[in-house]
Amino acid sequence: MTDMNPRLQFVPDRAPAPAEEPHLHPETKLQLLMAERHKRIELAAYFLAERRGFAPGHALDDWLAAEDVIDMEDAGRAAED
């Protein structure tokens, strides 16, 4: 196993979002993108908690770390485009 940041190992691949449909109203697209982001953060936070053995008292830390991971992932994708 490589010395990757352990948080990055748990970020799920991003599936095409329904918000990428060209015929949707911009506000609807934003709502869908935010819902997708929330789900991705939730899943990443779960895997971070799982890695710690679900020890109590770290939910906020897991959530904030997951937000950072998702934001970095999205920034990397934006740079590729």
C-alpha atoms as a PDB file:
ATOM      1  CA  MET A   1       0.000   0.000   0.000  1.00  0.00           C
ATOM      2  CA  THR A   2       1.242   3.495  -0.790  1.00  0.00           C
ATOM      3  CA  ASP A   3       1.622   6.356   1.667  1.00  0.00           C
ATOM      4  CA  MET A   4      -1.486   8.153   0.402  1.00  0.00           C
ATOM      5  CA  ASN A   5      -3.440  10.440   2.611  1.00  0.00           C
ATOM      6  CA  PRO A   6      -5.821   7.958   4.295  1.00  0.00           C
ATOM      7  CA  ARG A   7      -8.748  10.321   3.855  1.00  0.00           C
ATOM      8  CA  LEU A   8      -8.363  10.219   0.081  1.00  0.00           C
ATOM      9  CA  GLN A   9      -8.696   6.439   0.024  1.00  0.00           C
ATOM     10  CA  PHE A  10     -12.356   6.604   0.982  1.00  0.00           C
ATOM     11  CA  VAL A  11     -13.722   9.135  -1.469  1.00  0.00           C
ATOM     12  CA  PRO A  12     -16.144   7.400  -3.808  1.00  0.00           C
ATOM     13  CA  ASP A  13     -15.927   7.971  -7.540  1.00  0.00           C
ATOM     14  CA  ARG A  14     -18.298  10.625  -8.712  1.00  0.00           C
ATOM     15  CA  ALA A  15     -21.097   9.488 -10.973  1.00  0.00           C
ATOM     16  CA  PRO A  16     -22.533  11.909 -13.526  1.00  0.00           C
ATOM     17  CA  ALA A  17     -24.919  14.179 -11.680  1.00  0.00           C
ATOM     18  CA  PRO A  18     -28.508  14.757 -12.724  1.00  0.00           C
ATOM     19  CA  ALA A  19     -27.656  18.439 -12.335  1.00  0.00           C
ATOM     20  CA  GLU A  20     -25.532  18.185 -15.474  1.00  0.00           C
ATOM     21  CA  GLU A  21     -28.694  17.911 -17.569  1.00  0.00           C
ATOM     22  CA  PRO A  22     -28.753  20.992 -19.838  1.00  0.00           C
ATOM     23  CA  HIS A  23     -32.533  21.480 -19.749  1.00  0.00           C
ATOM     24  CA  LEU A  24     -32.815  22.059 -15.990  1.00  0.00           C
ATOM     25  CA  HIS A  25     -33.371  25.479 -14.457  1.00  0.00           C
ATOM     26  CA  PRO A  26     -30.120  26.849 -12.942  1.00  0.00           C
ATOM     27  CA  GLU A  27     -31.628  26.904  -9.440  1.00  0.00           C
ATOM     28  CA  THR A  28     -32.689  23.274  -9.805  1.00  0.00           C
ATOM     29  CA  LYS A  29     -29.192  22.363 -10.996  1.00  0.00           C
ATOM     30  CA  LEU A  30     -27.684  24.058  -7.954  1.00  0.00           C
ATOM     31  CA  GLN A  31     -30.043  22.230  -5.595  1.00  0.00           C
ATOM     32  CA  LEU A  32     -29.164  18.894  -7.213  1.00  0.00           C
ATOM     33  CA  LEU A  33     -25.440  19.612  -7.072  1.00  0.00           C
ATOM     34  CA  MET A  34     -25.666  20.557  -3.397  1.00  0.00           C
ATOM     35  CA  ALA A  35     -27.637  17.389  -2.624  1.00  0.00           C
ATOM     36  CA  GLU A  36     -25.042  15.310  -4.472  1.00  0.00           C
ATOM     37  CA  ARG A  37     -22.213  17.044  -2.589  1.00  0.00           C
ATOM     38  CA  HIS A  38     -23.959  16.384   0.727  1.00  0.00           C
ATOM     39  CA  LYS A  39     -24.303  12.675  -0.085  1.00  0.00           C
ATOM     40  CA  ARG A  40     -20.644  12.425  -1.098  1.00  0.00           C
ATOM     41  CA  ILE A  41     -19.530  14.139   2.116  1.00  0.00           C
ATOM     42  CA  GLU A  42     -21.822  11.932   4.167  1.00  0.00           C
ATOM     43  CA  LEU A  43     -20.365   8.783   2.607  1.00  0.00           C
ATOM     44  CA  ALA A  44     -16.757   9.951   2.989  1.00  0.00           C
ATOM     45  CA  ALA A  45     -17.417  10.890   6.647  1.00  0.00           C
ATOM     46  CA  TYR A  46     -18.898   7.455   7.247  1.00  0.00           C
ATOM     47  CA  PHE A  47     -15.778   5.746   5.914  1.00  0.00           C
ATOM     48  CA  LEU A  48     -13.568   7.981   8.030  1.00  0.00           C
ATOM     49  CA  ALA A  49     -15.609   7.063  11.115  1.00  0.00           C
ATOM     50  CA  GLU A  50     -15.489   3.400  10.172  1.00  0.00           C
ATOM     51  CA  ARG A  51     -11.721   3.561   9.922  1.00  0.00           C
ATOM     52  CA  ARG A  52     -11.605   4.906  13.503  1.00  0.00           C
ATOM     53  CA  GLY A  53     -13.893   2.129  14.705  1.00  0.00           C
ATOM     54  CA  PHE A  54     -16.842   4.537  15.088  1.00  0.00           C
ATOM     55  CA  ALA A  55     -15.407   5.933  18.309  1.00  0.00           C
ATOM     56  CA  PRO A  56     -17.891   8.512  19.634  1.00  0.00           C
ATOM     57  CA  GLY A  57     -17.190  12.225  19.794  1.00  0.00           C
ATOM     58  CA  HIS A  58     -15.623  12.680  16.354  1.00  0.00           C
ATOM     59  CA  ALA A  59     -18.629  13.186  14.072  1.00  0.00           C
ATOM     60  CA  LEU A  60     -17.898  16.861  13.410  1.00  0.00           C
ATOM     61  CA  ASP A  61     -14.202  16.158  12.766  1.00  0.00           C
ATOM     62  CA  ASP A  62     -15.154  13.398  10.331  1.00  0.00           C
ATOM     63  CA  TRP A  63     -17.619  15.662   8.544  1.00  0.00           C
ATOM     64  CA  LEU A  64     -15.165  18.547   8.220  1.00  0.00           C
ATOM     65  CA  ALA A  65     -12.392  16.227   7.018  1.00  0.00           C
ATOM     66  CA  ALA A  66     -14.785  14.722   4.474  1.00  0.00           C
ATOM     67  CA  GLU A  67     -15.726  18.206   3.239  1.00  0.00           C
ATOM     68  CA  ASP A  68     -12.030  18.964   2.714  1.00  0.00           C
ATOM     69  CA  VAL A  69     -11.529  15.746   0.770  1.00  0.00           C
ATOM     70  CA  ILE A  70     -14.554  16.340  -1.462  1.00  0.00           C
ATOM     71  CA  ASP A  71     -13.543  19.963  -2.048  1.00  0.00           C
ATOM     72  CA  MET A  72     -10.013  18.885  -3.029  1.00  0.00           C
ATOM     73  CA  GLU A  73     -11.409  16.226  -5.326  1.00  0.00           C
ATOM     74  CA  ASP A  74     -13.728  18.716  -7.008  1.00  0.00           C
ATOM     75  CA  ALA A  75     -10.931  21.277  -7.366  1.00  0.00           C
ATOM     76  CA  GLY A  76      -8.766  18.631  -9.018  1.00  0.00           C
ATOM     77  CA  ARG A  77     -11.540  17.796 -11.467  1.00  0.00           C
ATOM     78  CA  ALA A  78     -12.081  21.467 -12.259  1.00  0.00           C
ATOM     79  CA  ALA A  79      -8.367  21.876 -12.960  1.00  0.00           C
ATOM     80  CA  GLU A  80      -8.514  18.928 -15.375  1.00  0.00           C
ATOM     81  CA  ASP A  81     -11.327  20.535 -17.381  1.00  0.00           C
END
